Amino acid sequence: MNVTVNSEPRTVEESTTVAALLEQLGLTDYHGIAVELDGKFVERGAYASTLLAPHSHIEIVRFVGGG
């Protein structure tokens, strides 16, 4: 199915979760990551149970420290 990740089109399997998408993207350490799905913040504890739907819009933000 087709979804959009950070404004880029992407094809994923049906029944893909947020956690599975992050794993596909190589983001297995959730520390410093925020995910928004269709305009709503997804709690870290819900990544494994939150399913993507066709045409979902996902924004993934990585926090970077510095001074």
N, C-alpha and C. Protein backbone atom coordinates (compact mmCIF):
# COMPACT_ATOMS: atom_id res chain seq x y z
N MET A 1 0.85 -1.18 0.00
CA MET A 1 0.00 0.00 0.00
C MET A 1 0.89 1.23 0.00
N ASN A 2 0.35 2.32 -0.45
CA ASN A 2 1.11 3.56 -0.57
C ASN A 2 0.88 4.46 0.64
N VAL A 3 1.98 4.97 1.20
CA VAL A 3 1.94 5.93 2.30
C VAL A 3 2.93 7.04 1.97
N THR A 4 2.93 8.09 2.76
CA THR A 4 3.89 9.17 2.60
C THR A 4 4.67 9.32 3.89
N VAL A 5 5.99 9.25 3.79
CA VAL A 5 6.86 9.38 4.96
C VAL A 5 7.74 10.60 4.76
N ASN A 6 7.59 11.58 5.64
CA ASN A 6 8.35 12.83 5.54
C ASN A 6 8.30 13.39 4.11
N SER A 7 7.09 13.46 3.58
CA SER A 7 6.80 14.03 2.26
C SER A 7 7.29 13.19 1.09
N GLU A 8 7.78 11.97 1.36
CA GLU A 8 8.25 11.09 0.29
C GLU A 8 7.31 9.89 0.16
N PRO A 9 6.86 9.57 -1.06
CA PRO A 9 6.01 8.39 -1.24
C PRO A 9 6.79 7.12 -0.92
N ARG A 10 6.09 6.16 -0.34
CA ARG A 10 6.73 4.90 0.04
C ARG A 10 5.67 3.81 -0.05
N THR A 11 6.08 2.62 -0.45
CA THR A 11 5.19 1.47 -0.49
C THR A 11 5.55 0.53 0.66
N VAL A 12 4.54 0.14 1.43
CA VAL A 12 4.74 -0.78 2.55
C VAL A 12 3.71 -1.90 2.45
N GLU A 13 3.96 -2.98 3.16
CA GLU A 13 3.02 -4.09 3.22
C GLU A 13 1.77 -3.67 3.98
N GLU A 14 0.65 -4.28 3.64
CA GLU A 14 -0.56 -4.05 4.43
C GLU A 14 -0.28 -4.56 5.83
N SER A 15 -0.95 -4.02 6.79
CA SER A 15 -0.80 -4.34 8.22
C SER A 15 0.58 -3.96 8.77
N THR A 16 1.24 -2.99 8.14
CA THR A 16 2.50 -2.46 8.67
C THR A 16 2.19 -1.54 9.84
N THR A 17 2.93 -1.72 10.92
CA THR A 17 2.79 -0.85 12.09
C THR A 17 3.82 0.26 12.03
N VAL A 18 3.65 1.24 12.91
CA VAL A 18 4.65 2.30 13.02
C VAL A 18 6.00 1.70 13.38
N ALA A 19 6.01 0.74 14.31
CA ALA A 19 7.27 0.10 14.71
C ALA A 19 7.94 -0.60 13.53
N ALA A 20 7.16 -1.29 12.71
CA ALA A 20 7.73 -1.98 11.55
C ALA A 20 8.29 -0.98 10.55
N LEU A 21 7.60 0.12 10.35
CA LEU A 21 8.10 1.15 9.44
C LEU A 21 9.42 1.71 9.96
N LEU A 22 9.48 2.03 11.24
CA LEU A 22 10.72 2.56 11.80
C LEU A 22 11.86 1.56 11.64
N GLU A 23 11.57 0.29 11.82
CA GLU A 23 12.60 -0.75 11.65
C GLU A 23 13.08 -0.77 10.20
N GLN A 24 12.15 -0.68 9.25
CA GLN A 24 12.52 -0.66 7.83
C GLN A 24 13.43 0.53 7.51
N LEU A 25 13.22 1.61 8.23
CA LEU A 25 14.02 2.82 8.02
C LEU A 25 15.32 2.82 8.83
N GLY A 26 15.56 1.74 9.58
CA GLY A 26 16.78 1.63 10.37
C GLY A 26 16.73 2.42 11.66
N LEU A 27 15.54 2.77 12.11
CA LEU A 27 15.37 3.54 13.33
C LEU A 27 14.86 2.63 14.45
N THR A 28 15.74 1.79 14.98
CA THR A 28 15.33 0.83 15.98
C THR A 28 15.47 1.35 17.41
N ASP A 29 16.22 2.41 17.60
CA ASP A 29 16.34 3.04 18.91
C ASP A 29 15.38 4.23 18.92
N TYR A 30 14.29 4.11 19.65
CA TYR A 30 13.24 5.13 19.62
C TYR A 30 13.59 6.37 20.42
N HIS A 31 14.71 6.34 21.13
CA HIS A 31 15.10 7.51 21.93
C HIS A 31 15.36 8.68 20.99
N GLY A 32 14.70 9.79 21.24
CA GLY A 32 14.91 10.98 20.42
C GLY A 32 14.11 11.01 19.14
N ILE A 33 13.11 10.13 19.01
CA ILE A 33 12.28 10.09 17.81
C ILE A 33 10.84 10.44 18.19
N ALA A 34 10.21 11.24 17.37
CA ALA A 34 8.78 11.52 17.52
C ALA A 34 8.09 11.17 16.20
N VAL A 35 6.90 10.59 16.30
CA VAL A 35 6.16 10.17 15.11
C VAL A 35 4.78 10.80 15.13
N GLU A 36 4.42 11.38 14.00
CA GLU A 36 3.07 11.92 13.81
C GLU A 36 2.42 11.13 12.67
N LEU A 37 1.23 10.63 12.92
CA LEU A 37 0.49 9.87 11.92
C LEU A 37 -0.80 10.60 11.60
N ASP A 38 -0.92 11.03 10.37
CA ASP A 38 -2.12 11.77 9.92
C ASP A 38 -2.45 12.93 10.86
N GLY A 39 -1.42 13.66 11.25
CA GLY A 39 -1.61 14.86 12.05
C GLY A 39 -1.74 14.64 13.55
N LYS A 40 -1.60 13.38 14.00
CA LYS A 40 -1.72 13.10 15.43
C LYS A 40 -0.45 12.44 15.94
N PHE A 41 0.02 12.91 17.09
CA PHE A 41 1.20 12.36 17.73
C PHE A 41 0.93 10.92 18.15
N VAL A 42 1.90 10.02 17.89
CA VAL A 42 1.79 8.63 18.30
C VAL A 42 2.69 8.41 19.51
N GLU A 43 2.12 7.94 20.59
CA GLU A 43 2.90 7.64 21.79
C GLU A 43 3.87 6.50 21.50
N ARG A 44 5.07 6.59 22.04
CA ARG A 44 6.10 5.58 21.80
C ARG A 44 5.60 4.17 22.14
N GLY A 45 4.85 4.04 23.22
CA GLY A 45 4.34 2.74 23.62
C GLY A 45 3.31 2.16 22.67
N ALA A 46 2.81 2.97 21.75
CA ALA A 46 1.80 2.51 20.80
C ALA A 46 2.38 2.20 19.42
N TYR A 47 3.67 2.36 19.23
CA TYR A 47 4.26 2.12 17.91
C TYR A 47 3.96 0.72 17.39
N ALA A 48 4.08 -0.28 18.25
CA ALA A 48 3.90 -1.67 17.81
C ALA A 48 2.45 -2.02 17.51
N SER A 49 1.52 -1.27 18.04
CA SER A 49 0.10 -1.59 17.83
C SER A 49 -0.61 -0.61 16.89
N THR A 50 0.09 0.41 16.42
CA THR A 50 -0.54 1.41 15.55
C THR A 50 -0.31 1.02 14.09
N LEU A 51 -1.40 0.66 13.42
CA LEU A 51 -1.33 0.24 12.03
C LEU A 51 -1.38 1.44 11.10
N LEU A 52 -0.64 1.34 10.01
CA LEU A 52 -0.73 2.33 8.95
C LEU A 52 -1.88 1.96 8.04
N ALA A 53 -2.50 2.94 7.44
CA ALA A 53 -3.59 2.72 6.49
C ALA A 53 -3.15 3.24 5.13
N PRO A 54 -3.81 2.79 4.07
CA PRO A 54 -3.47 3.33 2.76
C PRO A 54 -3.54 4.86 2.77
N HIS A 55 -2.55 5.46 2.17
CA HIS A 55 -2.46 6.92 2.03
C HIS A 55 -2.20 7.65 3.35
N SER A 56 -1.71 6.93 4.37
CA SER A 56 -1.32 7.58 5.62
C SER A 56 -0.18 8.55 5.37
N HIS A 57 -0.16 9.61 6.16
CA HIS A 57 0.93 10.58 6.13
C HIS A 57 1.67 10.48 7.46
N ILE A 58 2.94 10.11 7.38
CA ILE A 58 3.76 9.91 8.57
C ILE A 58 4.89 10.93 8.55
N GLU A 59 5.06 11.60 9.66
CA GLU A 59 6.19 12.51 9.83
C GLU A 59 7.03 11.96 10.97
N ILE A 60 8.31 11.78 10.71
CA ILE A 60 9.24 11.26 11.71
C ILE A 60 10.28 12.33 11.96
N VAL A 61 10.43 12.71 13.22
CA VAL A 61 11.37 13.74 13.60
C VAL A 61 12.39 13.14 14.56
N ARG A 62 13.66 13.38 14.29
CA ARG A 62 14.74 12.96 15.20
C ARG A 62 15.28 14.20 15.89
N PHE A 63 15.30 14.14 17.21
CA PHE A 63 15.82 15.25 17.99
C PHE A 63 17.33 15.16 18.03
N VAL A 64 17.98 16.28 17.83
CA VAL A 64 19.43 16.34 17.83
C VAL A 64 19.85 17.35 18.89
N GLY A 65 20.73 16.91 19.77
CA GLY A 65 21.22 17.81 20.81
C GLY A 65 22.39 18.62 20.30
N GLY A 66 22.66 19.65 20.98
CA GLY A 66 23.80 20.48 20.58
C GLY A 66 23.73 21.82 21.29
N GLY A 67 24.67 22.62 20.98
CA GLY A 67 24.69 23.90 21.67
C GLY A 67 24.97 25.05 20.78
